[in-house]
């Protein structure tokens, strides 16, 4: 079987059950219009300008898109294969919270939290990626900061094995720019977003090595910075069965994607033809839910996000699959309101658990 055929089989291997509110988050509002400057080349068009209407045609186009993005993001070394060590364990009411240490890049060690529900022998796994905060993994794992931001701990209390890795921007660096400088000294041809993707994939490796995590049943969730990482992780790692990205800003114009720790100034150039509709297309038909707070303070996602979401939905249709890439716009600003979080949990349980 060819590599394209193997990819096609993977893309079409999905269960039938859906959340009862799927149509609410996958139907664009009538007021939304397309923007040619955002999605310059149609996803479903071959190099010779012909329409892509068959799964086999999309599989070839998908490989082309993924290759182009990998060239833009830059190279990284093979990920280490070593395991993790437990530094400390906090025994909570429902969860054992392990502070762990592991090799991320070769000869470079990092820390994270691995949250394991008590009394569970095997459970689906979640990589939970923290937002921009000096509390980093302590906040998302429920050690410090507001309880509503402890989404990793909350998911572990709901029965998931959860991995909470620290973003490299806070790994022994006095500032974000200094962290980028150190990374560039090791990998001068790679972007900050490539480092975040690499680290998130390494987190999946570690999560899958945990004895309590069900192999092949892994999802991802993140807010703000973490949502950006989730978008790239889901796009480039087929192990992610389903994901939720809260308020990351899926279009380039939504937030600071041109920052040096993300994609840099190249994306502002008129000749740069890529945008995140391509990454959402790489995810499809796997379930991917964007949480938006547009109309609220500081919101990054909302109706404008449909400019890149709607084109990617057509890929699922070409694959003869249900559309499971969508937007839940809670309208409450740059936050994860409790009702939106509950729907996120339902989304992950529906599409990750067997």
C-alpha atoms as a PDB file:
ATOM      1  CA  UNK A   1       0.000   0.000   0.000  1.00  0.00           C
ATOM      2  CA  UNK A   2       1.408   3.404  -0.961  1.00  0.00           C
ATOM      3  CA  UNK A   3       2.002   6.202   1.561  1.00  0.00           C
ATOM      4  CA  UNK A   4      -0.856   8.177  -0.009  1.00  0.00           C
ATOM      5  CA  UNK A   5      -3.206   5.234   0.416  1.00  0.00           C
ATOM      6  CA  UNK A   6      -2.143   4.764   4.035  1.00  0.00           C
ATOM      7  CA  UNK A   7      -2.842   8.446   4.666  1.00  0.00           C
ATOM      8  CA  UNK A   8      -6.243   8.123   3.025  1.00  0.00           C
ATOM      9  CA  UNK A   9      -7.163   5.167   5.221  1.00  0.00           C
ATOM     10  CA  UNK A  10      -6.183   7.159   8.326  1.00  0.00           C
ATOM     11  CA  UNK A  11      -8.236  10.156   7.221  1.00  0.00           C
ATOM     12  CA  UNK A  12     -11.352   8.050   6.723  1.00  0.00           C
ATOM     13  CA  UNK A  13     -11.183   6.064   9.979  1.00  0.00           C
ATOM     14  CA  UNK A  14     -13.750   7.767  12.200  1.00  0.00           C
ATOM     15  CA  UNK A  15     -16.566   6.768  14.476  1.00  0.00           C
ATOM     16  CA  UNK A  16     -20.168   7.710  13.801  1.00  0.00           C
ATOM     17  CA  UNK A  17     -21.282   9.262  17.127  1.00  0.00           C
ATOM     18  CA  UNK A  18     -21.404  13.061  17.308  1.00  0.00           C
ATOM     19  CA  UNK A  19     -22.191  15.680  19.931  1.00  0.00           C
ATOM     20  CA  UNK A  20     -25.893  16.557  19.746  1.00  0.00           C
ATOM     21  CA  UNK A  21     -25.074  20.227  19.036  1.00  0.00           C
ATOM     22  CA  UNK A  22     -22.652  19.585  16.167  1.00  0.00           C
ATOM     23  CA  UNK A  23     -24.691  21.501  13.565  1.00  0.00           C
ATOM     24  CA  UNK A  24     -24.732  24.590  15.805  1.00  0.00           C
ATOM     25  CA  UNK A  25     -20.932  24.905  15.687  1.00  0.00           C
ATOM     26  CA  UNK A  26     -20.350  23.792  12.096  1.00  0.00           C
ATOM     27  CA  UNK A  27     -22.865  26.083  10.365  1.00  0.00           C
ATOM     28  CA  UNK A  28     -21.379  29.476   9.403  1.00  0.00           C
ATOM     29  CA  UNK A  29     -23.563  32.535  10.010  1.00  0.00           C
ATOM     30  CA  UNK A  30     -25.186  33.915   6.860  1.00  0.00           C
ATOM     31  CA  UNK A  31     -23.495  37.278   7.379  1.00  0.00           C
ATOM     32  CA  UNK A  32     -20.002  35.854   6.958  1.00  0.00           C
ATOM     33  CA  UNK A  33     -18.332  36.554   3.621  1.00  0.00           C
ATOM     34  CA  UNK A  34     -15.138  35.075   2.227  1.00  0.00           C
ATOM     35  CA  UNK A  35     -11.952  37.119   2.009  1.00  0.00           C
ATOM     36  CA  UNK A  36      -9.710  36.297  -0.952  1.00  0.00           C
ATOM     37  CA  UNK A  37      -6.699  37.911   0.750  1.00  0.00           C
ATOM     38  CA  UNK A  38      -6.991  35.365   3.576  1.00  0.00           C
ATOM     39  CA  UNK A  39      -7.417  32.225   1.462  1.00  0.00           C
ATOM     40  CA  UNK A  40      -5.594  33.019  -1.768  1.00  0.00           C
ATOM     41  CA  UNK A  41      -5.332  29.602  -3.359  1.00  0.00           C
ATOM     42  CA  UNK A  42      -8.403  27.367  -3.011  1.00  0.00           C
ATOM     43  CA  UNK A  43      -7.735  24.267  -0.940  1.00  0.00           C
ATOM     44  CA  UNK A  44      -9.541  22.026  -3.380  1.00  0.00           C
ATOM     45  CA  UNK A  45      -7.594  22.970  -6.477  1.00  0.00           C
ATOM     46  CA  UNK A  46      -4.656  21.110  -7.992  1.00  0.00           C
ATOM     47  CA  UNK A  47      -1.492  22.710  -9.344  1.00  0.00           C
ATOM     48  CA  UNK A  48      -2.946  22.686 -12.847  1.00  0.00           C
ATOM     49  CA  UNK A  49      -6.095  24.494 -11.689  1.00  0.00           C
ATOM     50  CA  UNK A  50      -8.429  21.500 -11.692  1.00  0.00           C
ATOM     51  CA  UNK A  51     -11.045  21.003  -8.977  1.00  0.00           C
ATOM     52  CA  UNK A  52     -10.316  18.359  -6.345  1.00  0.00           C
ATOM     53  CA  UNK A  53     -13.426  16.228  -5.902  1.00  0.00           C
ATOM     54  CA  UNK A  54     -12.117  12.811  -4.847  1.00  0.00           C
ATOM     55  CA  UNK A  55     -10.440  11.602  -1.620  1.00  0.00           C
ATOM     56  CA  UNK A  56      -7.401  10.372  -3.541  1.00  0.00           C
ATOM     57  CA  UNK A  57      -6.914  13.807  -5.076  1.00  0.00           C
ATOM     58  CA  UNK A  58      -7.144  15.479  -1.678  1.00  0.00           C
ATOM     59  CA  UNK A  59      -4.593  13.041  -0.198  1.00  0.00           C
ATOM     60  CA  UNK A  60      -2.052  14.225  -2.777  1.00  0.00           C
ATOM     61  CA  UNK A  61      -2.900  17.907  -2.199  1.00  0.00           C
ATOM     62  CA  UNK A  62      -2.651  17.362   1.543  1.00  0.00           C
ATOM     63  CA  UNK A  63       0.895  16.042   1.232  1.00  0.00           C
ATOM     64  CA  UNK A  64       1.800  19.119  -0.823  1.00  0.00           C
ATOM     65  CA  UNK A  65       0.382  21.512   1.816  1.00  0.00           C
ATOM     66  CA  UNK A  66       2.077  19.726   4.700  1.00  0.00           C
ATOM     67  CA  UNK A  67       5.421  19.752   2.894  1.00  0.00           C
ATOM     68  CA  UNK A  68       5.173  23.486   2.201  1.00  0.00           C
ATOM     69  CA  UNK A  69       4.419  24.258   5.838  1.00  0.00           C
ATOM     70  CA  UNK A  70       7.255  22.079   7.116  1.00  0.00           C
ATOM     71  CA  UNK A  71       9.675  23.894   4.819  1.00  0.00           C
ATOM     72  CA  UNK A  72       8.426  27.244   6.149  1.00  0.00           C
ATOM     73  CA  UNK A  73       8.567  26.220   9.816  1.00  0.00           C
ATOM     74  CA  UNK A  74      12.057  24.749   9.523  1.00  0.00           C
ATOM     75  CA  UNK A  75      13.879  21.581  10.583  1.00  0.00           C
ATOM     76  CA  UNK A  76      14.205  20.007  14.013  1.00  0.00           C
ATOM     77  CA  UNK A  77      16.193  16.964  15.128  1.00  0.00           C
ATOM     78  CA  UNK A  78      14.546  13.573  15.691  1.00  0.00           C
ATOM     79  CA  UNK A  79      12.678  13.585  18.987  1.00  0.00           C
ATOM     80  CA  UNK A  80      14.298  11.706  21.896  1.00  0.00           C
ATOM     81  CA  UNK A  81      12.786   8.333  22.775  1.00  0.00           C
ATOM     82  CA  UNK A  82      13.631   8.236  26.476  1.00  0.00           C
ATOM     83  CA  UNK A  83      10.945   8.159  29.154  1.00  0.00           C
ATOM     84  CA  UNK A  84      10.263  10.413  32.133  1.00  0.00           C
ATOM     85  CA  UNK A  85      11.128  10.553  35.817  1.00  0.00           C
ATOM     86  CA  UNK A  86       8.757  11.607  38.589  1.00  0.00           C
ATOM     87  CA  UNK A  87      10.148  14.449  40.670  1.00  0.00           C
ATOM     88  CA  UNK A  88       7.227  14.900  43.063  1.00  0.00           C
ATOM     89  CA  UNK A  89       3.688  13.595  43.507  1.00  0.00           C
ATOM     90  CA  UNK A  90       0.777  15.522  45.031  1.00  0.00           C
ATOM     91  CA  UNK A  91      -2.080  13.283  46.131  1.00  0.00           C
ATOM     92  CA  UNK A  92      -5.312  15.230  45.581  1.00  0.00           C
ATOM     93  CA  UNK A  93      -8.876  14.096  46.213  1.00  0.00           C
ATOM     94  CA  UNK A  94      -9.463  12.687  42.725  1.00  0.00           C
ATOM     95  CA  UNK A  95      -6.098  12.984  41.032  1.00  0.00           C
ATOM     96  CA  UNK A  96      -2.437  12.145  41.519  1.00  0.00           C
ATOM     97  CA  UNK A  97      -0.490  15.112  40.196  1.00  0.00           C
ATOM     98  CA  UNK A  98       3.028  14.090  39.195  1.00  0.00           C
ATOM     99  CA  UNK A  99       5.720  16.669  38.541  1.00  0.00           C
ATOM    100  CA  UNK A 100       7.882  15.000  35.893  1.00  0.00           C
ATOM    101  CA  UNK A 101      11.133  15.607  34.044  1.00  0.00           C
ATOM    102  CA  UNK A 102      12.050  14.333  30.597  1.00  0.00           C
ATOM    103  CA  UNK A 103      14.347  14.880  27.638  1.00  0.00           C
ATOM    104  CA  UNK A 104      12.698  17.194  25.136  1.00  0.00           C
ATOM    105  CA  UNK A 105      15.385  17.987  22.618  1.00  0.00           C
ATOM    106  CA  UNK A 106      18.519  15.812  22.682  1.00  0.00           C
ATOM    107  CA  UNK A 107      20.346  16.578  25.928  1.00  0.00           C
ATOM    108  CA  UNK A 108      17.766  19.235  26.851  1.00  0.00           C
ATOM    109  CA  UNK A 109      15.482  18.411  29.784  1.00  0.00           C
ATOM    110  CA  UNK A 110      12.171  20.029  30.709  1.00  0.00           C
ATOM    111  CA  UNK A 111       9.484  19.668  33.360  1.00  0.00           C
ATOM    112  CA  UNK A 112       5.744  19.110  33.118  1.00  0.00           C
ATOM    113  CA  UNK A 113       2.803  17.794  35.095  1.00  0.00           C
ATOM    114  CA  UNK A 114       1.255  14.402  34.448  1.00  0.00           C
ATOM    115  CA  UNK A 115      -2.206  14.204  36.034  1.00  0.00           C
ATOM    116  CA  UNK A 116      -3.628  10.729  36.611  1.00  0.00           C
ATOM    117  CA  UNK A 117      -7.180  10.092  37.881  1.00  0.00           C
ATOM    118  CA  UNK A 118      -7.196   7.917  40.975  1.00  0.00           C
ATOM    119  CA  UNK A 119      -8.489   4.380  40.585  1.00  0.00           C
ATOM    120  CA  UNK A 120      -8.186   4.387  36.798  1.00  0.00           C
ATOM    121  CA  UNK A 121      -6.216   1.632  35.102  1.00  0.00           C
ATOM    122  CA  UNK A 122      -6.614   2.930  31.553  1.00  0.00           C
ATOM    123  CA  UNK A 123      -8.091   6.219  30.304  1.00  0.00           C
ATOM    124  CA  UNK A 124      -7.917   8.491  27.235  1.00  0.00           C
ATOM    125  CA  UNK A 125      -5.178  11.109  27.288  1.00  0.00           C
ATOM    126  CA  UNK A 126      -5.161  14.877  26.822  1.00  0.00           C
ATOM    127  CA  UNK A 127      -2.264  17.226  26.153  1.00  0.00           C
ATOM    128  CA  UNK A 128      -3.269  20.495  27.866  1.00  0.00           C
ATOM    129  CA  UNK A 129      -1.224  23.515  26.752  1.00  0.00           C
ATOM    130  CA  UNK A 130      -1.048  26.557  29.009  1.00  0.00           C
ATOM    131  CA  UNK A 131      -1.736  30.175  28.136  1.00  0.00           C
ATOM    132  CA  UNK A 132       0.674  33.129  28.437  1.00  0.00           C
ATOM    133  CA  UNK A 133       1.304  33.319  32.175  1.00  0.00           C
ATOM    134  CA  UNK A 134       4.304  33.329  34.482  1.00  0.00           C
ATOM    135  CA  UNK A 135       2.599  30.477  36.366  1.00  0.00           C
ATOM    136  CA  UNK A 136       2.901  28.308  33.209  1.00  0.00           C
ATOM    137  CA  UNK A 137       2.244  24.662  34.107  1.00  0.00           C
ATOM    138  CA  UNK A 138       1.381  25.468  37.726  1.00  0.00           C
ATOM    139  CA  UNK A 139      -1.727  27.320  36.570  1.00  0.00           C
ATOM    140  CA  UNK A 140      -3.100  24.767  34.116  1.00  0.00           C
ATOM    141  CA  UNK A 141      -2.387  21.918  36.551  1.00  0.00           C
ATOM    142  CA  UNK A 142      -4.150  23.660  39.448  1.00  0.00           C
ATOM    143  CA  UNK A 143      -1.107  24.447  41.590  1.00  0.00           C
ATOM    144  CA  UNK A 144      -1.388  28.247  41.379  1.00  0.00           C
ATOM    145  CA  UNK A 145      -3.659  30.866  39.842  1.00  0.00           C
ATOM    146  CA  UNK A 146      -7.425  31.043  39.314  1.00  0.00           C
ATOM    147  CA  UNK A 147      -9.338  27.771  39.420  1.00  0.00           C
ATOM    148  CA  UNK A 148     -11.126  28.376  36.121  1.00  0.00           C
ATOM    149  CA  UNK A 149      -7.759  28.323  34.327  1.00  0.00           C
ATOM    150  CA  UNK A 150      -6.818  24.933  35.805  1.00  0.00           C
ATOM    151  CA  UNK A 151      -8.259  23.132  32.783  1.00  0.00           C
ATOM    152  CA  UNK A 152      -5.721  20.320  32.981  1.00  0.00           C
ATOM    153  CA  UNK A 153      -6.695  19.468  36.534  1.00  0.00           C
ATOM    154  CA  UNK A 154     -10.402  19.753  35.725  1.00  0.00           C
ATOM    155  CA  UNK A 155     -10.043  17.326  32.817  1.00  0.00           C
ATOM    156  CA  UNK A 156      -8.137  14.865  35.004  1.00  0.00           C
ATOM    157  CA  UNK A 157     -10.964  15.070  37.547  1.00  0.00           C
ATOM    158  CA  UNK A 158     -13.302  14.107  34.667  1.00  0.00           C
ATOM    159  CA  UNK A 159     -11.344  10.927  33.997  1.00  0.00           C
ATOM    160  CA  UNK A 160      -8.627  11.881  31.463  1.00  0.00           C
ATOM    161  CA  UNK A 161      -4.900  11.286  31.890  1.00  0.00           C
ATOM    162  CA  UNK A 162      -3.538  14.783  31.271  1.00  0.00           C
ATOM    163  CA  UNK A 163      -0.091  15.972  30.253  1.00  0.00           C
ATOM    164  CA  UNK A 164       0.728  19.653  30.926  1.00  0.00           C
ATOM    165  CA  UNK A 165       4.086  20.623  29.361  1.00  0.00           C
ATOM    166  CA  UNK A 166       5.793  23.983  29.826  1.00  0.00           C
ATOM    167  CA  UNK A 167       6.201  26.189  26.743  1.00  0.00           C
ATOM    168  CA  UNK A 168       9.878  26.824  25.890  1.00  0.00           C
ATOM    169  CA  UNK A 169       9.348  30.583  26.276  1.00  0.00           C
ATOM    170  CA  UNK A 170       9.492  30.131  30.067  1.00  0.00           C
ATOM    171  CA  UNK A 171      12.136  27.418  30.217  1.00  0.00           C
ATOM    172  CA  UNK A 172      15.029  29.004  32.148  1.00  0.00           C
ATOM    173  CA  UNK A 173      14.803  32.264  30.184  1.00  0.00           C
ATOM    174  CA  UNK A 174      14.408  35.784  31.668  1.00  0.00           C
ATOM    175  CA  UNK A 175      12.214  36.977  28.771  1.00  0.00           C
ATOM    176  CA  UNK A 176      10.330  35.711  25.735  1.00  0.00           C
ATOM    177  CA  UNK A 177      12.839  37.315  23.368  1.00  0.00           C
ATOM    178  CA  UNK A 178      15.723  35.736  25.248  1.00  0.00           C
ATOM    179  CA  UNK A 179      14.059  32.322  24.968  1.00  0.00           C
ATOM    180  CA  UNK A 180      13.735  32.795  21.214  1.00  0.00           C
ATOM    181  CA  UNK A 181      17.380  33.890  20.968  1.00  0.00           C
ATOM    182  CA  UNK A 182      18.556  30.749  22.763  1.00  0.00           C
ATOM    183  CA  UNK A 183      16.404  28.568  20.565  1.00  0.00           C
ATOM    184  CA  UNK A 184      17.702  30.267  17.411  1.00  0.00           C
ATOM    185  CA  UNK A 185      21.279  29.659  18.539  1.00  0.00           C
ATOM    186  CA  UNK A 186      20.519  25.930  18.507  1.00  0.00           C
ATOM    187  CA  UNK A 187      18.239  25.936  15.444  1.00  0.00           C
ATOM    188  CA  UNK A 188      18.867  29.048  13.308  1.00  0.00           C
ATOM    189  CA  UNK A 189      16.715  27.839  10.409  1.00  0.00           C
ATOM    190  CA  UNK A 190      13.583  27.128  12.449  1.00  0.00           C
ATOM    191  CA  UNK A 191      10.687  29.278  13.673  1.00  0.00           C
ATOM    192  CA  UNK A 192       9.442  29.559  17.236  1.00  0.00           C
ATOM    193  CA  UNK A 193       6.184  27.894  16.202  1.00  0.00           C
ATOM    194  CA  UNK A 194       8.157  24.875  15.008  1.00  0.00           C
ATOM    195  CA  UNK A 195       9.716  24.584  18.460  1.00  0.00           C
ATOM    196  CA  UNK A 196       6.258  24.725  20.055  1.00  0.00           C
ATOM    197  CA  UNK A 197       4.993  22.031  17.682  1.00  0.00           C
ATOM    198  CA  UNK A 198       8.040  19.848  18.339  1.00  0.00           C
ATOM    199  CA  UNK A 199       7.611  20.195  22.104  1.00  0.00           C
ATOM    200  CA  UNK A 200       3.889  19.427  21.921  1.00  0.00           C
ATOM    201  CA  UNK A 201       4.606  16.283  19.899  1.00  0.00           C
ATOM    202  CA  UNK A 202       7.177  15.250  22.482  1.00  0.00           C
ATOM    203  CA  UNK A 203       4.481  15.761  25.127  1.00  0.00           C
ATOM    204  CA  UNK A 204       2.267  13.318  23.200  1.00  0.00           C
ATOM    205  CA  UNK A 205       5.158  10.844  23.221  1.00  0.00           C
ATOM    206  CA  UNK A 206       5.465  11.091  26.991  1.00  0.00           C
ATOM    207  CA  UNK A 207       1.703  10.947  27.542  1.00  0.00           C
ATOM    208  CA  UNK A 208       1.418   7.814  25.418  1.00  0.00           C
ATOM    209  CA  UNK A 209       4.218   6.212  27.439  1.00  0.00           C
ATOM    210  CA  UNK A 210       2.299   6.645  30.712  1.00  0.00           C
ATOM    211  CA  UNK A 211       0.929   3.219  31.719  1.00  0.00           C
ATOM    212  CA  UNK A 212      -2.522   4.656  32.504  1.00  0.00           C
ATOM    213  CA  UNK A 213      -2.995   6.288  29.091  1.00  0.00           C
ATOM    214  CA  UNK A 214      -4.931   4.401  26.438  1.00  0.00           C
ATOM    215  CA  UNK A 215      -2.764   4.032  23.371  1.00  0.00           C
ATOM    216  CA  UNK A 216      -4.234   5.753  20.344  1.00  0.00           C
ATOM    217  CA  UNK A 217      -6.820   7.744  22.342  1.00  0.00           C
ATOM    218  CA  UNK A 218      -5.291  11.218  22.678  1.00  0.00           C
ATOM    219  CA  UNK A 219      -6.698  14.722  22.340  1.00  0.00           C
ATOM    220  CA  UNK A 220      -5.501  18.267  22.955  1.00  0.00           C
ATOM    221  CA  UNK A 221      -6.799  21.491  24.469  1.00  0.00           C
ATOM    222  CA  UNK A 222      -5.361  24.946  25.035  1.00  0.00           C
ATOM    223  CA  UNK A 223      -6.299  28.564  25.656  1.00  0.00           C
ATOM    224  CA  UNK A 224      -4.735  31.639  23.995  1.00  0.00           C
ATOM    225  CA  UNK A 225      -1.041  30.738  23.457  1.00  0.00           C
ATOM    226  CA  UNK A 226      -2.001  27.132  24.159  1.00  0.00           C
ATOM    227  CA  UNK A 227      -4.704  27.278  21.494  1.00  0.00           C
ATOM    228  CA  UNK A 228      -2.132  28.317  18.901  1.00  0.00           C
ATOM    229  CA  UNK A 229      -0.047  25.289  19.855  1.00  0.00           C
ATOM    230  CA  UNK A 230      -3.103  23.034  19.669  1.00  0.00           C
ATOM    231  CA  UNK A 231      -3.821  24.179  16.104  1.00  0.00           C
ATOM    232  CA  UNK A 232      -0.346  23.193  14.948  1.00  0.00           C
ATOM    233  CA  UNK A 233      -0.240  19.985  16.980  1.00  0.00           C
ATOM    234  CA  UNK A 234      -3.559  18.736  15.589  1.00  0.00           C
ATOM    235  CA  UNK A 235      -2.557  19.695  12.036  1.00  0.00           C
ATOM    236  CA  UNK A 236       0.790  17.904  12.048  1.00  0.00           C
ATOM    237  CA  UNK A 237       0.212  14.986  14.419  1.00  0.00           C
ATOM    238  CA  UNK A 238      -2.306  12.355  13.368  1.00  0.00           C
ATOM    239  CA  UNK A 239      -2.272  10.918  16.905  1.00  0.00           C
ATOM    240  CA  UNK A 240      -4.555  13.783  18.001  1.00  0.00           C
ATOM    241  CA  UNK A 241      -8.053  12.334  17.644  1.00  0.00           C
ATOM    242  CA  UNK A 242      -9.870  15.546  18.618  1.00  0.00           C
ATOM    243  CA  UNK A 243      -8.974  18.993  19.925  1.00  0.00           C
ATOM    244  CA  UNK A 244     -10.301  22.256  21.369  1.00  0.00           C
ATOM    245  CA  UNK A 245      -8.546  25.582  20.716  1.00  0.00           C
ATOM    246  CA  UNK A 246      -9.829  28.454  22.863  1.00  0.00           C
ATOM    247  CA  UNK A 247      -9.227  32.015  21.730  1.00  0.00           C
ATOM    248  CA  UNK A 248      -5.962  31.472  19.894  1.00  0.00           C
ATOM    249  CA  UNK A 249      -6.970  33.573  16.902  1.00  0.00           C
ATOM    250  CA  UNK A 250      -7.043  31.294  13.872  1.00  0.00           C
ATOM    251  CA  UNK A 251      -6.466  33.966  11.208  1.00  0.00           C
ATOM    252  CA  UNK A 252      -3.115  35.744  10.930  1.00  0.00           C
ATOM    253  CA  UNK A 253      -4.818  39.108  11.493  1.00  0.00           C
ATOM    254  CA  UNK A 254      -6.521  37.968  14.703  1.00  0.00           C
ATOM    255  CA  UNK A 255      -3.533  38.168  17.059  1.00  0.00           C
ATOM    256  CA  UNK A 256       0.255  38.508  17.124  1.00  0.00           C
ATOM    257  CA  UNK A 257       1.130  35.588  14.852  1.00  0.00           C
ATOM    258  CA  UNK A 258       3.988  37.714  13.451  1.00  0.00           C
ATOM    259  CA  UNK A 259       5.771  37.761  16.828  1.00  0.00           C
ATOM    260  CA  UNK A 260       9.287  36.245  16.761  1.00  0.00           C
ATOM    261  CA  UNK A 261       8.228  33.384  19.021  1.00  0.00           C
ATOM    262  CA  UNK A 262       5.477  32.359  16.585  1.00  0.00           C
ATOM    263  CA  UNK A 263       5.836  32.832  12.802  1.00  0.00           C
ATOM    264  CA  UNK A 264       7.755  36.077  12.482  1.00  0.00           C
ATOM    265  CA  UNK A 265       7.316  39.010  10.053  1.00  0.00           C
ATOM    266  CA  UNK A 266       7.353  36.890   6.868  1.00  0.00           C
ATOM    267  CA  UNK A 267       3.608  36.329   7.120  1.00  0.00           C
ATOM    268  CA  UNK A 268       3.046  40.080   6.622  1.00  0.00           C
ATOM    269  CA  UNK A 269       4.647  40.011   3.191  1.00  0.00           C
ATOM    270  CA  UNK A 270       2.177  40.393   0.286  1.00  0.00           C
ATOM    271  CA  UNK A 271       3.659  37.391  -1.503  1.00  0.00           C
ATOM    272  CA  UNK A 272       3.183  35.026   1.465  1.00  0.00           C
ATOM    273  CA  UNK A 273       0.352  32.773   0.313  1.00  0.00           C
ATOM    274  CA  UNK A 274      -0.227  30.501   3.297  1.00  0.00           C
ATOM    275  CA  UNK A 275      -2.873  30.852   6.035  1.00  0.00           C
ATOM    276  CA  UNK A 276      -4.460  28.680   8.678  1.00  0.00           C
ATOM    277  CA  UNK A 277      -7.292  27.396   6.498  1.00  0.00           C
ATOM    278  CA  UNK A 278      -4.595  24.999   5.282  1.00  0.00           C
ATOM    279  CA  UNK A 279      -3.856  23.749   8.796  1.00  0.00           C
ATOM    280  CA  UNK A 280      -7.550  23.279   9.532  1.00  0.00           C
ATOM    281  CA  UNK A 281      -7.749  21.333   6.273  1.00  0.00           C
ATOM    282  CA  UNK A 282      -4.892  19.105   7.447  1.00  0.00           C
ATOM    283  CA  UNK A 283      -6.926  18.394  10.579  1.00  0.00           C
ATOM    284  CA  UNK A 284     -10.176  17.567   8.763  1.00  0.00           C
ATOM    285  CA  UNK A 285     -12.123  15.370   9.121  1.00  0.00           C
ATOM    286  CA  UNK A 286     -10.854  14.941  12.693  1.00  0.00           C
ATOM    287  CA  UNK A 287     -12.966  16.943  15.190  1.00  0.00           C
ATOM    288  CA  UNK A 288     -11.553  20.394  15.938  1.00  0.00           C
ATOM    289  CA  UNK A 289     -13.518  22.953  17.949  1.00  0.00           C
ATOM    290  CA  UNK A 290     -12.551  26.622  18.078  1.00  0.00           C
ATOM    291  CA  UNK A 291     -13.856  28.534  21.104  1.00  0.00           C
ATOM    292  CA  UNK A 292     -14.340  32.225  20.364  1.00  0.00           C
ATOM    293  CA  UNK A 293     -15.258  35.160  22.578  1.00  0.00           C
ATOM    294  CA  UNK A 294     -15.893  37.773  19.916  1.00  0.00           C
ATOM    295  CA  UNK A 295     -17.985  40.739  21.124  1.00  0.00           C
ATOM    296  CA  UNK A 296     -16.289  40.370  24.496  1.00  0.00           C
ATOM    297  CA  UNK A 297     -13.143  42.150  25.720  1.00  0.00           C
ATOM    298  CA  UNK A 298      -9.891  41.204  23.994  1.00  0.00           C
ATOM    299  CA  UNK A 299     -11.455  38.432  21.923  1.00  0.00           C
ATOM    300  CA  UNK A 300      -9.275  36.700  19.310  1.00  0.00           C
ATOM    301  CA  UNK A 301     -11.835  34.413  17.639  1.00  0.00           C
ATOM    302  CA  UNK A 302     -15.412  34.826  16.492  1.00  0.00           C
ATOM    303  CA  UNK A 303     -17.333  35.313  13.253  1.00  0.00           C
ATOM    304  CA  UNK A 304     -14.194  36.493  11.416  1.00  0.00           C
ATOM    305  CA  UNK A 305     -12.664  33.070  12.128  1.00  0.00           C
ATOM    306  CA  UNK A 306     -15.066  31.498   9.627  1.00  0.00           C
ATOM    307  CA  UNK A 307     -12.854  32.925   6.863  1.00  0.00           C
ATOM    308  CA  UNK A 308     -10.448  30.045   7.476  1.00  0.00           C
ATOM    309  CA  UNK A 309     -12.817  27.525   9.076  1.00  0.00           C
ATOM    310  CA  UNK A 310     -15.423  27.362   6.291  1.00  0.00           C
ATOM    311  CA  UNK A 311     -12.977  26.526   3.473  1.00  0.00           C
ATOM    312  CA  UNK A 312     -11.507  23.682   5.526  1.00  0.00           C
ATOM    313  CA  UNK A 313     -14.957  22.180   6.067  1.00  0.00           C
ATOM    314  CA  UNK A 314     -15.170  21.384   2.352  1.00  0.00           C
ATOM    315  CA  UNK A 315     -12.331  18.885   2.784  1.00  0.00           C
ATOM    316  CA  UNK A 316     -14.519  16.735   5.039  1.00  0.00           C
ATOM    317  CA  UNK A 317     -17.206  16.760   2.368  1.00  0.00           C
ATOM    318  CA  UNK A 318     -14.742  15.595  -0.284  1.00  0.00           C
ATOM    319  CA  UNK A 319     -13.801  12.768   2.081  1.00  0.00           C
ATOM    320  CA  UNK A 320     -17.509  11.901   2.489  1.00  0.00           C
ATOM    321  CA  UNK A 321     -17.248  12.547   6.224  1.00  0.00           C
ATOM    322  CA  UNK A 322     -19.324  14.580   8.646  1.00  0.00           C
ATOM    323  CA  UNK A 323     -18.057  18.137   9.104  1.00  0.00           C
ATOM    324  CA  UNK A 324     -16.464  18.259  12.563  1.00  0.00           C
ATOM    325  CA  UNK A 325     -14.390  21.444  12.288  1.00  0.00           C
ATOM    326  CA  UNK A 326     -16.312  24.361  13.734  1.00  0.00           C
ATOM    327  CA  UNK A 327     -16.660  27.360  16.032  1.00  0.00           C
ATOM    328  CA  UNK A 328     -18.436  27.851  19.331  1.00  0.00           C
ATOM    329  CA  UNK A 329     -18.643  31.617  19.813  1.00  0.00           C
ATOM    330  CA  UNK A 330     -19.577  32.258  23.463  1.00  0.00           C
ATOM    331  CA  UNK A 331     -19.133  36.035  23.077  1.00  0.00           C
ATOM    332  CA  UNK A 332     -17.575  36.493  26.521  1.00  0.00           C
ATOM    333  CA  UNK A 333     -14.168  37.761  25.579  1.00  0.00           C
ATOM    334  CA  UNK A 334     -10.755  36.210  26.039  1.00  0.00           C
ATOM    335  CA  UNK A 335     -11.779  33.524  28.489  1.00  0.00           C
ATOM    336  CA  UNK A 336     -13.228  30.025  28.819  1.00  0.00           C
ATOM    337  CA  UNK A 337     -16.659  30.460  30.450  1.00  0.00           C
ATOM    338  CA  UNK A 338     -17.911  27.476  32.417  1.00  0.00           C
ATOM    339  CA  UNK A 339     -20.605  26.578  29.881  1.00  0.00           C
ATOM    340  CA  UNK A 340     -18.084  26.650  27.024  1.00  0.00           C
ATOM    341  CA  UNK A 341     -15.717  24.491  29.057  1.00  0.00           C
ATOM    342  CA  UNK A 342     -18.471  21.951  29.704  1.00  0.00           C
ATOM    343  CA  UNK A 343     -19.092  21.697  25.972  1.00  0.00           C
ATOM    344  CA  UNK A 344     -15.356  21.299  25.430  1.00  0.00           C
ATOM    345  CA  UNK A 345     -15.320  18.366  27.833  1.00  0.00           C
ATOM    346  CA  UNK A 346     -18.284  16.811  26.031  1.00  0.00           C
ATOM    347  CA  UNK A 347     -16.517  17.324  22.690  1.00  0.00           C
ATOM    348  CA  UNK A 348     -13.357  15.588  23.892  1.00  0.00           C
ATOM    349  CA  UNK A 349     -15.224  12.740  25.580  1.00  0.00           C
ATOM    350  CA  UNK A 350     -17.353  12.115  22.500  1.00  0.00           C
ATOM    351  CA  UNK A 351     -14.513  12.040  20.010  1.00  0.00           C
ATOM    352  CA  UNK A 352     -11.614  10.591  22.012  1.00  0.00           C
ATOM    353  CA  UNK A 353     -13.155   7.874  24.137  1.00  0.00           C
ATOM    354  CA  UNK A 354     -13.820   4.592  22.336  1.00  0.00           C
END
